[in-house]
């Protein structure tokens, strides 16, 4: 902790001495903290035109691909074969014991 305090005191002394030396020392020690776009609770920077057009084209191609395949290969969603009619299944196929076995 003592070392960190010494560093802070050293920085303060350096700034104080730099300001006394003239305006060149003050400009040399200036800290600039705006190296990037700031977007807290505001819209971010607007992307370039080529980025927006590329995003629209990529989205259009994706939707074309999805809708094309849903129209031409709908079996991926509905299945390839007809669904069997459950009313035609027998009790043995469903695993239901016969009524005669229940009476015994």
PDB file of N, CA and C in Angstrom:
ATOM      1  N   UNK A   1       0.824  -1.186   0.000  1.00  0.00           N
ATOM      2  CA  UNK A   1       0.000   0.000   0.000  1.00  0.00           C
ATOM      3  C   UNK A   1       0.869   1.249   0.000  1.00  0.00           C
ATOM      4  N   UNK A   2       1.964   1.174   0.687  1.00  0.00           N
ATOM      5  CA  UNK A   2       2.857   2.327   0.749  1.00  0.00           C
ATOM      6  C   UNK A   2       3.451   2.645  -0.625  1.00  0.00           C
ATOM      7  N   UNK A   3       3.737   1.586  -1.401  1.00  0.00           N
ATOM      8  CA  UNK A   3       4.300   1.797  -2.733  1.00  0.00           C
ATOM      9  C   UNK A   3       3.281   2.471  -3.654  1.00  0.00           C
ATOM     10  N   UNK A   4       2.014   2.071  -3.557  1.00  0.00           N
ATOM     11  CA  UNK A   4       1.005   2.683  -4.415  1.00  0.00           C
ATOM     12  C   UNK A   4       0.802   4.149  -4.053  1.00  0.00           C
ATOM     13  N   UNK A   5       0.868   4.469  -2.758  1.00  0.00           N
ATOM     14  CA  UNK A   5       0.748   5.872  -2.333  1.00  0.00           C
ATOM     15  C   UNK A   5       1.945   6.677  -2.834  1.00  0.00           C
ATOM     16  N   UNK A   6       3.125   6.083  -2.812  1.00  0.00           N
ATOM     17  CA  UNK A   6       4.314   6.783  -3.288  1.00  0.00           C
ATOM     18  C   UNK A   6       4.202   7.068  -4.785  1.00  0.00           C
ATOM     19  N   UNK A   7       3.635   6.140  -5.524  1.00  0.00           N
ATOM     20  CA  UNK A   7       3.454   6.349  -6.961  1.00  0.00           C
ATOM     21  C   UNK A   7       2.491   7.504  -7.201  1.00  0.00           C
ATOM     22  N   UNK A   8       1.383   7.560  -6.441  1.00  0.00           N
ATOM     23  CA  UNK A   8       0.428   8.652  -6.593  1.00  0.00           C
ATOM     24  C   UNK A   8       1.052   9.997  -6.252  1.00  0.00           C
ATOM     25  N   UNK A   9       1.821  10.042  -5.165  1.00  0.00           N
ATOM     26  CA  UNK A   9       2.490  11.287  -4.783  1.00  0.00           C
ATOM     27  C   UNK A   9       3.492  11.687  -5.861  1.00  0.00           C
ATOM     28  N   UNK A  10       4.206  10.733  -6.419  1.00  0.00           N
ATOM     29  CA  UNK A  10       5.147  11.026  -7.485  1.00  0.00           C
ATOM     30  C   UNK A  10       4.464  11.599  -8.709  1.00  0.00           C
ATOM     31  N   UNK A  11       3.311  11.060  -9.059  1.00  0.00           N
ATOM     32  CA  UNK A  11       2.567  11.587 -10.207  1.00  0.00           C
ATOM     33  C   UNK A  11       2.096  13.019  -9.948  1.00  0.00           C
ATOM     34  N   UNK A  12       1.607  13.260  -8.734  1.00  0.00           N
ATOM     35  CA  UNK A  12       1.157  14.605  -8.397  1.00  0.00           C
ATOM     36  C   UNK A  12       2.309  15.600  -8.473  1.00  0.00           C
ATOM     37  N   UNK A  13       3.472  15.213  -7.953  1.00  0.00           N
ATOM     38  CA  UNK A  13       4.634  16.096  -8.014  1.00  0.00           C
ATOM     39  C   UNK A  13       5.064  16.330  -9.462  1.00  0.00           C
ATOM     40  N   UNK A  14       5.019  15.295 -10.256  1.00  0.00           N
ATOM     41  CA  UNK A  14       5.402  15.418 -11.664  1.00  0.00           C
ATOM     42  C   UNK A  14       4.469  16.384 -12.391  1.00  0.00           C
ATOM     43  N   UNK A  15       3.149  16.266 -12.132  1.00  0.00           N
ATOM     44  CA  UNK A  15       2.191  17.179 -12.752  1.00  0.00           C
ATOM     45  C   UNK A  15       2.413  18.611 -12.284  1.00  0.00           C
ATOM     46  N   UNK A  16       2.639  18.769 -10.992  1.00  0.00           N
ATOM     47  CA  UNK A  16       2.840  20.117 -10.448  1.00  0.00           C
ATOM     48  C   UNK A  16       4.092  20.748 -11.045  1.00  0.00           C
ATOM     49  N   UNK A  17       5.157  19.996 -11.150  1.00  0.00           N
ATOM     50  CA  UNK A  17       6.392  20.523 -11.709  1.00  0.00           C
ATOM     51  C   UNK A  17       6.250  20.772 -13.208  1.00  0.00           C
ATOM     52  N   UNK A  18       5.492  19.937 -13.874  1.00  0.00           N
ATOM     53  CA  UNK A  18       5.283  20.115 -15.304  1.00  0.00           C
ATOM     54  C   UNK A  18       4.490  21.366 -15.611  1.00  0.00           C
ATOM     55  N   UNK A  19       3.508  21.706 -14.787  1.00  0.00           N
ATOM     56  CA  UNK A  19       2.708  22.908 -14.997  1.00  0.00           C
ATOM     57  C   UNK A  19       3.531  24.162 -14.729  1.00  0.00           C
ATOM     58  N   UNK A  20       4.456  24.088 -13.786  1.00  0.00           N
ATOM     59  CA  UNK A  20       5.293  25.250 -13.477  1.00  0.00           C
ATOM     60  C   UNK A  20       6.301  25.507 -14.591  1.00  0.00           C
ATOM     61  N   UNK A  21       6.652  24.442 -15.316  1.00  0.00           N
ATOM     62  CA  UNK A  21       7.659  24.615 -16.364  1.00  0.00           C
ATOM     63  C   UNK A  21       7.097  25.372 -17.553  1.00  0.00           C
ATOM     64  N   UNK A  22       5.792  25.440 -17.719  1.00  0.00           N
ATOM     65  CA  UNK A  22       5.210  26.154 -18.853  1.00  0.00           C
ATOM     66  C   UNK A  22       4.089  25.341 -19.476  1.00  0.00           C
ATOM     67  N   UNK A  23       3.554  25.838 -20.553  1.00  0.00           N
ATOM     68  CA  UNK A  23       2.406  25.172 -21.177  1.00  0.00           C
ATOM     69  C   UNK A  23       2.800  23.879 -21.879  1.00  0.00           C
ATOM     70  N   UNK A  24       4.055  23.748 -22.291  1.00  0.00           N
ATOM     71  CA  UNK A  24       4.480  22.529 -22.980  1.00  0.00           C
ATOM     72  C   UNK A  24       4.420  21.335 -22.040  1.00  0.00           C
ATOM     73  N   UNK A  25       4.792  21.539 -20.765  1.00  0.00           N
ATOM     74  CA  UNK A  25       4.742  20.445 -19.791  1.00  0.00           C
ATOM     75  C   UNK A  25       3.320  20.033 -19.481  1.00  0.00           C
ATOM     76  N   UNK A  26       2.395  21.008 -19.448  1.00  0.00           N
ATOM     77  CA  UNK A  26       1.000  20.690 -19.151  1.00  0.00           C
ATOM     78  C   UNK A  26       0.383  19.881 -20.291  1.00  0.00           C
ATOM     79  N   UNK A  27       0.697  20.207 -21.521  1.00  0.00           N
ATOM     80  CA  UNK A  27       0.147  19.463 -22.650  1.00  0.00           C
ATOM     81  C   UNK A  27       0.742  18.061 -22.738  1.00  0.00           C
ATOM     82  N   UNK A  28       1.968  17.919 -22.298  1.00  0.00           N
ATOM     83  CA  UNK A  28       2.617  16.627 -22.365  1.00  0.00           C
ATOM     84  C   UNK A  28       1.980  15.637 -21.394  1.00  0.00           C
ATOM     85  N   UNK A  29       1.476  16.108 -20.261  1.00  0.00           N
ATOM     86  CA  UNK A  29       0.925  15.229 -19.236  1.00  0.00           C
ATOM     87  C   UNK A  29      -0.589  15.065 -19.347  1.00  0.00           C
ATOM     88  N   UNK A  30      -1.200  15.626 -20.358  1.00  0.00           N
ATOM     89  CA  UNK A  30      -2.645  15.548 -20.496  1.00  0.00           C
ATOM     90  C   UNK A  30      -3.059  14.127 -20.874  1.00  0.00           C
ATOM     91  N   UNK A  31      -4.108  13.627 -20.214  1.00  0.00           N
ATOM     92  CA  UNK A  31      -4.618  12.289 -20.481  1.00  0.00           C
ATOM     93  C   UNK A  31      -5.859  12.410 -21.367  1.00  0.00           C
ATOM     94  N   UNK A  32      -5.883  11.720 -22.478  1.00  0.00           N
ATOM     95  CA  UNK A  32      -7.014  11.745 -23.398  1.00  0.00           C
ATOM     96  C   UNK A  32      -7.777  10.444 -23.216  1.00  0.00           C
ATOM     97  N   UNK A  33      -9.066  10.550 -22.919  1.00  0.00           N
ATOM     98  CA  UNK A  33      -9.866   9.359 -22.624  1.00  0.00           C
ATOM     99  C   UNK A  33     -11.001   9.156 -23.628  1.00  0.00           C
ATOM    100  N   UNK A  34     -10.892   9.632 -24.814  1.00  0.00           N
ATOM    101  CA  UNK A  34     -11.966   9.432 -25.800  1.00  0.00           C
ATOM    102  C   UNK A  34     -11.399   8.770 -27.057  1.00  0.00           C
ATOM    103  N   UNK A  35     -10.929   7.552 -26.882  1.00  0.00           N
ATOM    104  CA  UNK A  35     -10.338   6.835 -27.990  1.00  0.00           C
ATOM    105  C   UNK A  35     -11.309   5.952 -28.750  1.00  0.00           C
ATOM    106  N   UNK A  36     -12.589   5.913 -28.339  1.00  0.00           N
ATOM    107  CA  UNK A  36     -13.566   5.061 -29.023  1.00  0.00           C
ATOM    108  C   UNK A  36     -14.931   5.734 -28.954  1.00  0.00           C
ATOM    109  N   UNK A  37     -15.908   5.185 -29.698  1.00  0.00           N
ATOM    110  CA  UNK A  37     -17.258   5.738 -29.686  1.00  0.00           C
ATOM    111  C   UNK A  37     -17.935   5.393 -28.377  1.00  0.00           C
ATOM    112  N   UNK A  38     -18.676   6.332 -27.855  1.00  0.00           N
ATOM    113  CA  UNK A  38     -19.367   6.154 -26.592  1.00  0.00           C
ATOM    114  C   UNK A  38     -20.855   6.061 -26.879  1.00  0.00           C
ATOM    115  N   UNK A  39     -21.522   4.996 -26.412  1.00  0.00           N
ATOM    116  CA  UNK A  39     -22.933   4.814 -26.751  1.00  0.00           C
ATOM    117  C   UNK A  39     -23.720   4.315 -25.551  1.00  0.00           C
ATOM    118  N   UNK A  40     -23.638   5.001 -24.420  1.00  0.00           N
ATOM    119  CA  UNK A  40     -24.414   4.630 -23.246  1.00  0.00           C
ATOM    120  C   UNK A  40     -25.774   5.304 -23.331  1.00  0.00           C
ATOM    121  N   UNK A  41     -26.830   4.509 -23.429  1.00  0.00           N
ATOM    122  CA  UNK A  41     -28.213   4.964 -23.536  1.00  0.00           C
ATOM    123  C   UNK A  41     -28.483   5.833 -24.758  1.00  0.00           C
ATOM    124  N   UNK A  42     -27.672   5.693 -25.755  1.00  0.00           N
ATOM    125  CA  UNK A  42     -27.903   6.374 -27.032  1.00  0.00           C
ATOM    126  C   UNK A  42     -27.608   5.372 -28.132  1.00  0.00           C
ATOM    127  N   UNK A  43     -28.070   5.674 -29.328  1.00  0.00           N
ATOM    128  CA  UNK A  43     -27.776   4.789 -30.448  1.00  0.00           C
ATOM    129  C   UNK A  43     -26.280   4.788 -30.733  1.00  0.00           C
ATOM    130  N   UNK A  44     -25.788   3.645 -31.144  1.00  0.00           N
ATOM    131  CA  UNK A  44     -24.386   3.543 -31.497  1.00  0.00           C
ATOM    132  C   UNK A  44     -24.112   4.210 -32.833  1.00  0.00           C
ATOM    133  N   UNK A  45     -22.881   4.188 -33.235  1.00  0.00           N
ATOM    134  CA  UNK A  45     -22.552   4.810 -34.525  1.00  0.00           C
ATOM    135  C   UNK A  45     -23.214   4.052 -35.674  1.00  0.00           C
ATOM    136  N   UNK A  46     -23.655   4.772 -36.677  1.00  0.00           N
ATOM    137  CA  UNK A  46     -24.323   4.165 -37.824  1.00  0.00           C
ATOM    138  C   UNK A  46     -23.293   3.417 -38.670  1.00  0.00           C
ATOM    139  N   UNK A  47     -23.587   2.161 -39.031  1.00  0.00           N
ATOM    140  CA  UNK A  47     -22.620   1.414 -39.840  1.00  0.00           C
ATOM    141  C   UNK A  47     -22.509   1.985 -41.252  1.00  0.00           C
ATOM    142  N   UNK A  48     -21.458   1.591 -41.920  1.00  0.00           N
ATOM    143  CA  UNK A  48     -21.231   2.050 -43.288  1.00  0.00           C
ATOM    144  C   UNK A  48     -22.314   1.522 -44.216  1.00  0.00           C
ATOM    145  N   UNK A  49     -22.454   2.155 -45.362  1.00  0.00           N
ATOM    146  CA  UNK A  49     -23.467   1.761 -46.342  1.00  0.00           C
ATOM    147  C   UNK A  49     -23.221   0.347 -46.847  1.00  0.00           C
ATOM    148  N   UNK A  50     -21.980  -0.010 -47.100  1.00  0.00           N
ATOM    149  CA  UNK A  50     -21.678  -1.352 -47.619  1.00  0.00           C
ATOM    150  C   UNK A  50     -22.028  -2.424 -46.584  1.00  0.00           C
ATOM    151  N   UNK A  51     -21.882  -2.093 -45.298  1.00  0.00           N
ATOM    152  CA  UNK A  51     -22.233  -3.045 -44.240  1.00  0.00           C
ATOM    153  C   UNK A  51     -23.739  -3.250 -44.186  1.00  0.00           C
ATOM    154  N   UNK A  52     -24.496  -2.160 -44.289  1.00  0.00           N
ATOM    155  CA  UNK A  52     -25.960  -2.278 -44.259  1.00  0.00           C
ATOM    156  C   UNK A  52     -26.479  -3.028 -45.472  1.00  0.00           C
ATOM    157  N   UNK A  53     -25.945  -2.739 -46.645  1.00  0.00           N
ATOM    158  CA  UNK A  53     -26.383  -3.438 -47.867  1.00  0.00           C
ATOM    159  C   UNK A  53     -26.004  -4.909 -47.785  1.00  0.00           C
ATOM    160  N   UNK A  54     -24.803  -5.212 -47.299  1.00  0.00           N
ATOM    161  CA  UNK A  54     -24.378  -6.604 -47.151  1.00  0.00           C
ATOM    162  C   UNK A  54     -25.267  -7.372 -46.191  1.00  0.00           C
ATOM    163  N   UNK A  55     -25.690  -6.726 -45.090  1.00  0.00           N
ATOM    164  CA  UNK A  55     -26.583  -7.384 -44.131  1.00  0.00           C
ATOM    165  C   UNK A  55     -27.944  -7.667 -44.763  1.00  0.00           C
ATOM    166  N   UNK A  56     -28.463  -6.727 -45.536  1.00  0.00           N
ATOM    167  CA  UNK A  56     -29.750  -6.935 -46.203  1.00  0.00           C
ATOM    168  C   UNK A  56     -29.664  -8.065 -47.231  1.00  0.00           C
ATOM    169  N   UNK A  57     -28.585  -8.098 -47.984  1.00  0.00           N
ATOM    170  CA  UNK A  57     -28.404  -9.155 -48.991  1.00  0.00           C
ATOM    171  C   UNK A  57     -28.270 -10.516 -48.314  1.00  0.00           C
ATOM    172  N   UNK A  58     -27.485 -10.594 -47.242  1.00  0.00           N
ATOM    173  CA  UNK A  58     -27.319 -11.863 -46.532  1.00  0.00           C
ATOM    174  C   UNK A  58     -28.645 -12.332 -45.937  1.00  0.00           C
ATOM    175  N   UNK A  59     -29.414 -11.412 -45.354  1.00  0.00           N
ATOM    176  CA  UNK A  59     -30.729 -11.774 -44.814  1.00  0.00           C
ATOM    177  C   UNK A  59     -31.688 -12.232 -45.902  1.00  0.00           C
ATOM    178  N   UNK A  60     -31.667 -11.557 -47.052  1.00  0.00           N
ATOM    179  CA  UNK A  60     -32.528 -11.961 -48.163  1.00  0.00           C
ATOM    180  C   UNK A  60     -32.184 -13.334 -48.689  1.00  0.00           C
ATOM    181  N   UNK A  61     -30.884 -13.609 -48.821  1.00  0.00           N
ATOM    182  CA  UNK A  61     -30.467 -14.952 -49.269  1.00  0.00           C
ATOM    183  C   UNK A  61     -30.857 -16.032 -48.272  1.00  0.00           C
ATOM    184  N   UNK A  62     -30.739 -15.736 -46.992  1.00  0.00           N
ATOM    185  CA  UNK A  62     -31.104 -16.718 -45.972  1.00  0.00           C
ATOM    186  C   UNK A  62     -32.599 -17.040 -46.054  1.00  0.00           C
ATOM    187  N   UNK A  63     -33.452 -16.002 -46.144  1.00  0.00           N
ATOM    188  CA  UNK A  63     -34.889 -16.263 -46.214  1.00  0.00           C
ATOM    189  C   UNK A  63     -35.277 -16.956 -47.517  1.00  0.00           C
ATOM    190  N   UNK A  64     -34.615 -16.600 -48.618  1.00  0.00           N
ATOM    191  CA  UNK A  64     -34.888 -17.301 -49.865  1.00  0.00           C
ATOM    192  C   UNK A  64     -34.563 -18.780 -49.703  1.00  0.00           C
ATOM    193  N   UNK A  65     -33.429 -19.107 -49.111  1.00  0.00           N
ATOM    194  CA  UNK A  65     -33.021 -20.500 -48.934  1.00  0.00           C
ATOM    195  C   UNK A  65     -34.015 -21.250 -48.058  1.00  0.00           C
ATOM    196  N   UNK A  66     -34.440 -20.637 -46.953  1.00  0.00           N
ATOM    197  CA  UNK A  66     -35.380 -21.293 -46.032  1.00  0.00           C
ATOM    198  C   UNK A  66     -36.720 -21.533 -46.733  1.00  0.00           C
ATOM    199  N   UNK A  67     -37.299 -20.523 -47.363  1.00  0.00           N
ATOM    200  CA  UNK A  67     -38.608 -20.672 -47.988  1.00  0.00           C
ATOM    201  C   UNK A  67     -38.564 -21.595 -49.203  1.00  0.00           C
ATOM    202  N   UNK A  68     -37.483 -21.557 -49.968  1.00  0.00           N
ATOM    203  CA  UNK A  68     -37.339 -22.450 -51.114  1.00  0.00           C
ATOM    204  C   UNK A  68     -37.347 -23.908 -50.654  1.00  0.00           C
ATOM    205  N   UNK A  69     -36.590 -24.202 -49.618  1.00  0.00           N
ATOM    206  CA  UNK A  69     -36.520 -25.587 -49.148  1.00  0.00           C
ATOM    207  C   UNK A  69     -37.786 -26.011 -48.417  1.00  0.00           C
ATOM    208  N   UNK A  70     -38.478 -25.091 -47.755  1.00  0.00           N
ATOM    209  CA  UNK A  70     -39.761 -25.449 -47.159  1.00  0.00           C
ATOM    210  C   UNK A  70     -40.790 -25.781 -48.234  1.00  0.00           C
ATOM    211  N   UNK A  71     -40.733 -25.106 -49.374  1.00  0.00           N
ATOM    212  CA  UNK A  71     -41.692 -25.368 -50.447  1.00  0.00           C
ATOM    213  C   UNK A  71     -41.350 -26.644 -51.205  1.00  0.00           C
ATOM    214  N   UNK A  72     -40.064 -26.859 -51.499  1.00  0.00           N
ATOM    215  CA  UNK A  72     -39.676 -27.991 -52.340  1.00  0.00           C
ATOM    216  C   UNK A  72     -39.324 -29.246 -51.562  1.00  0.00           C
ATOM    217  N   UNK A  73     -38.960 -29.128 -50.310  1.00  0.00           N
ATOM    218  CA  UNK A  73     -38.604 -30.296 -49.508  1.00  0.00           C
ATOM    219  C   UNK A  73     -39.353 -30.264 -48.182  1.00  0.00           C
ATOM    220  N   UNK A  74     -40.678 -30.172 -48.254  1.00  0.00           N
ATOM    221  CA  UNK A  74     -41.496 -30.064 -47.050  1.00  0.00           C
ATOM    222  C   UNK A  74     -41.509 -31.350 -46.232  1.00  0.00           C
ATOM    223  N   UNK A  75     -41.003 -32.455 -46.809  1.00  0.00           N
ATOM    224  CA  UNK A  75     -40.979 -33.714 -46.070  1.00  0.00           C
ATOM    225  C   UNK A  75     -40.082 -33.639 -44.834  1.00  0.00           C
ATOM    226  N   UNK A  76     -39.149 -32.699 -44.823  1.00  0.00           N
ATOM    227  CA  UNK A  76     -38.315 -32.527 -43.637  1.00  0.00           C
ATOM    228  C   UNK A  76     -39.159 -32.104 -42.439  1.00  0.00           C
ATOM    229  N   UNK A  77     -40.252 -31.411 -42.691  1.00  0.00           N
ATOM    230  CA  UNK A  77     -41.128 -30.942 -41.622  1.00  0.00           C
ATOM    231  C   UNK A  77     -42.261 -31.936 -41.387  1.00  0.00           C
ATOM    232  N   UNK A  78     -42.912 -32.403 -42.458  1.00  0.00           N
ATOM    233  CA  UNK A  78     -44.104 -33.240 -42.320  1.00  0.00           C
ATOM    234  C   UNK A  78     -43.781 -34.726 -42.232  1.00  0.00           C
ATOM    235  N   UNK A  79     -42.591 -35.130 -42.584  1.00  0.00           N
ATOM    236  CA  UNK A  79     -42.248 -36.544 -42.604  1.00  0.00           C
ATOM    237  C   UNK A  79     -42.395 -37.105 -44.009  1.00  0.00           C
ATOM    238  N   UNK A  80     -41.679 -38.196 -44.286  1.00  0.00           N
ATOM    239  CA  UNK A  80     -41.688 -38.747 -45.638  1.00  0.00           C
ATOM    240  C   UNK A  80     -42.845 -39.700 -45.894  1.00  0.00           C
ATOM    241  N   UNK A  81     -43.405 -40.308 -44.847  1.00  0.00           N
ATOM    242  CA  UNK A  81     -44.423 -41.341 -45.016  1.00  0.00           C
ATOM    243  C   UNK A  81     -45.728 -40.880 -44.393  1.00  0.00           C
ATOM    244  N   UNK A  82     -46.823 -41.486 -44.850  1.00  0.00           N
ATOM    245  CA  UNK A  82     -48.134 -41.182 -44.282  1.00  0.00           C
ATOM    246  C   UNK A  82     -48.187 -41.668 -42.840  1.00  0.00           C
ATOM    247  N   UNK A  83     -48.862 -40.904 -41.989  1.00  0.00           N
ATOM    248  CA  UNK A  83     -49.006 -41.284 -40.589  1.00  0.00           C
ATOM    249  C   UNK A  83     -50.035 -42.399 -40.497  1.00  0.00           C
ATOM    250  N   UNK A  84     -49.738 -43.477 -39.791  1.00  0.00           N
ATOM    251  CA  UNK A  84     -50.696 -44.589 -39.721  1.00  0.00           C
ATOM    252  C   UNK A  84     -51.943 -44.199 -38.925  1.00  0.00           C
ATOM    253  N   UNK A  85     -53.051 -44.848 -39.271  1.00  0.00           N
ATOM    254  CA  UNK A  85     -54.322 -44.583 -38.592  1.00  0.00           C
ATOM    255  C   UNK A  85     -54.375 -45.400 -37.301  1.00  0.00           C
ATOM    256  N   UNK A  86     -54.394 -44.764 -36.137  1.00  0.00           N
ATOM    257  CA  UNK A  86     -54.379 -45.509 -34.866  1.00  0.00           C
ATOM    258  C   UNK A  86     -55.621 -46.365 -34.652  1.00  0.00           C
ATOM    259  N   UNK A  87     -56.738 -46.036 -35.303  1.00  0.00           N
ATOM    260  CA  UNK A  87     -57.949 -46.845 -35.105  1.00  0.00           C
ATOM    261  C   UNK A  87     -57.809 -48.228 -35.733  1.00  0.00           C
ATOM    262  N   UNK A  88     -56.860 -48.425 -36.620  1.00  0.00           N
ATOM    263  CA  UNK A  88     -56.645 -49.712 -37.270  1.00  0.00           C
ATOM    264  C   UNK A  88     -55.700 -50.619 -36.486  1.00  0.00           C
ATOM    265  N   UNK A  89     -55.092 -50.121 -35.432  1.00  0.00           N
ATOM    266  CA  UNK A  89     -54.143 -50.923 -34.660  1.00  0.00           C
ATOM    267  C   UNK A  89     -54.895 -51.891 -33.753  1.00  0.00           C
ATOM    268  N   UNK A  90     -54.315 -53.058 -33.570  1.00  0.00           N
ATOM    269  CA  UNK A  90     -54.939 -54.048 -32.693  1.00  0.00           C
ATOM    270  C   UNK A  90     -54.449 -53.836 -31.263  1.00  0.00           C
ATOM    271  N   UNK A  91     -55.160 -54.460 -30.323  1.00  0.00           N
ATOM    272  CA  UNK A  91     -54.771 -54.361 -28.912  1.00  0.00           C
ATOM    273  C   UNK A  91     -53.403 -54.986 -28.669  1.00  0.00           C
ATOM    274  N   UNK A  92     -53.086 -56.057 -29.399  1.00  0.00           N
ATOM    275  CA  UNK A  92     -51.786 -56.711 -29.236  1.00  0.00           C
ATOM    276  C   UNK A  92     -50.663 -55.785 -29.692  1.00  0.00           C
ATOM    277  N   UNK A  93     -50.891 -55.047 -30.780  1.00  0.00           N
ATOM    278  CA  UNK A  93     -49.876 -54.110 -31.242  1.00  0.00           C
ATOM    279  C   UNK A  93     -49.668 -52.956 -30.255  1.00  0.00           C
ATOM    280  N   UNK A  94     -50.732 -52.574 -29.559  1.00  0.00           N
ATOM    281  CA  UNK A  94     -50.639 -51.483 -28.599  1.00  0.00           C
ATOM    282  C   UNK A  94     -50.173 -51.954 -27.224  1.00  0.00           C
ATOM    283  N   UNK A  95     -50.110 -53.279 -27.013  1.00  0.00           N
ATOM    284  CA  UNK A  95     -49.675 -53.810 -25.725  1.00  0.00           C
ATOM    285  C   UNK A  95     -50.770 -53.845 -24.688  1.00  0.00           C
ATOM    286  N   UNK A  96     -52.012 -53.853 -25.136  1.00  0.00           N
ATOM    287  CA  UNK A  96     -53.146 -53.897 -24.208  1.00  0.00           C
ATOM    288  C   UNK A  96     -53.545 -55.351 -24.017  1.00  0.00           C
ATOM    289  N   UNK A  97     -53.632 -55.851 -22.772  1.00  0.00           N
ATOM    290  CA  UNK A  97     -54.022 -57.244 -22.547  1.00  0.00           C
ATOM    291  C   UNK A  97     -55.487 -57.452 -22.922  1.00  0.00           C
ATOM    292  N   UNK A  98     -55.822 -58.673 -23.333  1.00  0.00           N
ATOM    293  CA  UNK A  98     -57.201 -58.974 -23.721  1.00  0.00           C
ATOM    294  C   UNK A  98     -58.091 -59.029 -22.487  1.00  0.00           C
ATOM    295  N   UNK A  99     -59.369 -58.901 -22.711  1.00  0.00           N
ATOM    296  CA  UNK A  99     -60.328 -58.887 -21.606  1.00  0.00           C
ATOM    297  C   UNK A  99     -60.415 -60.253 -20.940  1.00  0.00           C
ATOM    298  N   UNK A 100     -60.154 -61.332 -21.693  1.00  0.00           N
ATOM    299  CA  UNK A 100     -60.232 -62.658 -21.126  1.00  0.00           C
ATOM    300  C   UNK A 100     -59.122 -62.861 -20.089  1.00  0.00           C
ATOM    301  N   UNK A 101     -57.951 -62.302 -20.310  1.00  0.00           N
ATOM    302  CA  UNK A 101     -56.850 -62.450 -19.359  1.00  0.00           C
ATOM    303  C   UNK A 101     -57.132 -61.683 -18.074  1.00  0.00           C
ATOM    304  N   UNK A 102     -57.885 -60.596 -18.162  1.00  0.00           N
ATOM    305  CA  UNK A 102     -58.193 -59.820 -16.974  1.00  0.00           C
ATOM    306  C   UNK A 102     -59.171 -60.547 -16.077  1.00  0.00           C
ATOM    307  N   UNK A 103     -60.075 -61.352 -16.656  1.00  0.00           N
ATOM    308  CA  UNK A 103     -61.079 -62.076 -15.862  1.00  0.00           C
ATOM    309  C   UNK A 103     -60.470 -63.245 -15.115  1.00  0.00           C
ATOM    310  N   UNK A 104     -59.404 -63.798 -15.585  1.00  0.00           N
ATOM    311  CA  UNK A 104     -58.821 -64.992 -14.942  1.00  0.00           C
ATOM    312  C   UNK A 104     -58.074 -64.687 -13.697  1.00  0.00           C
TER     313      UNK A 104
END
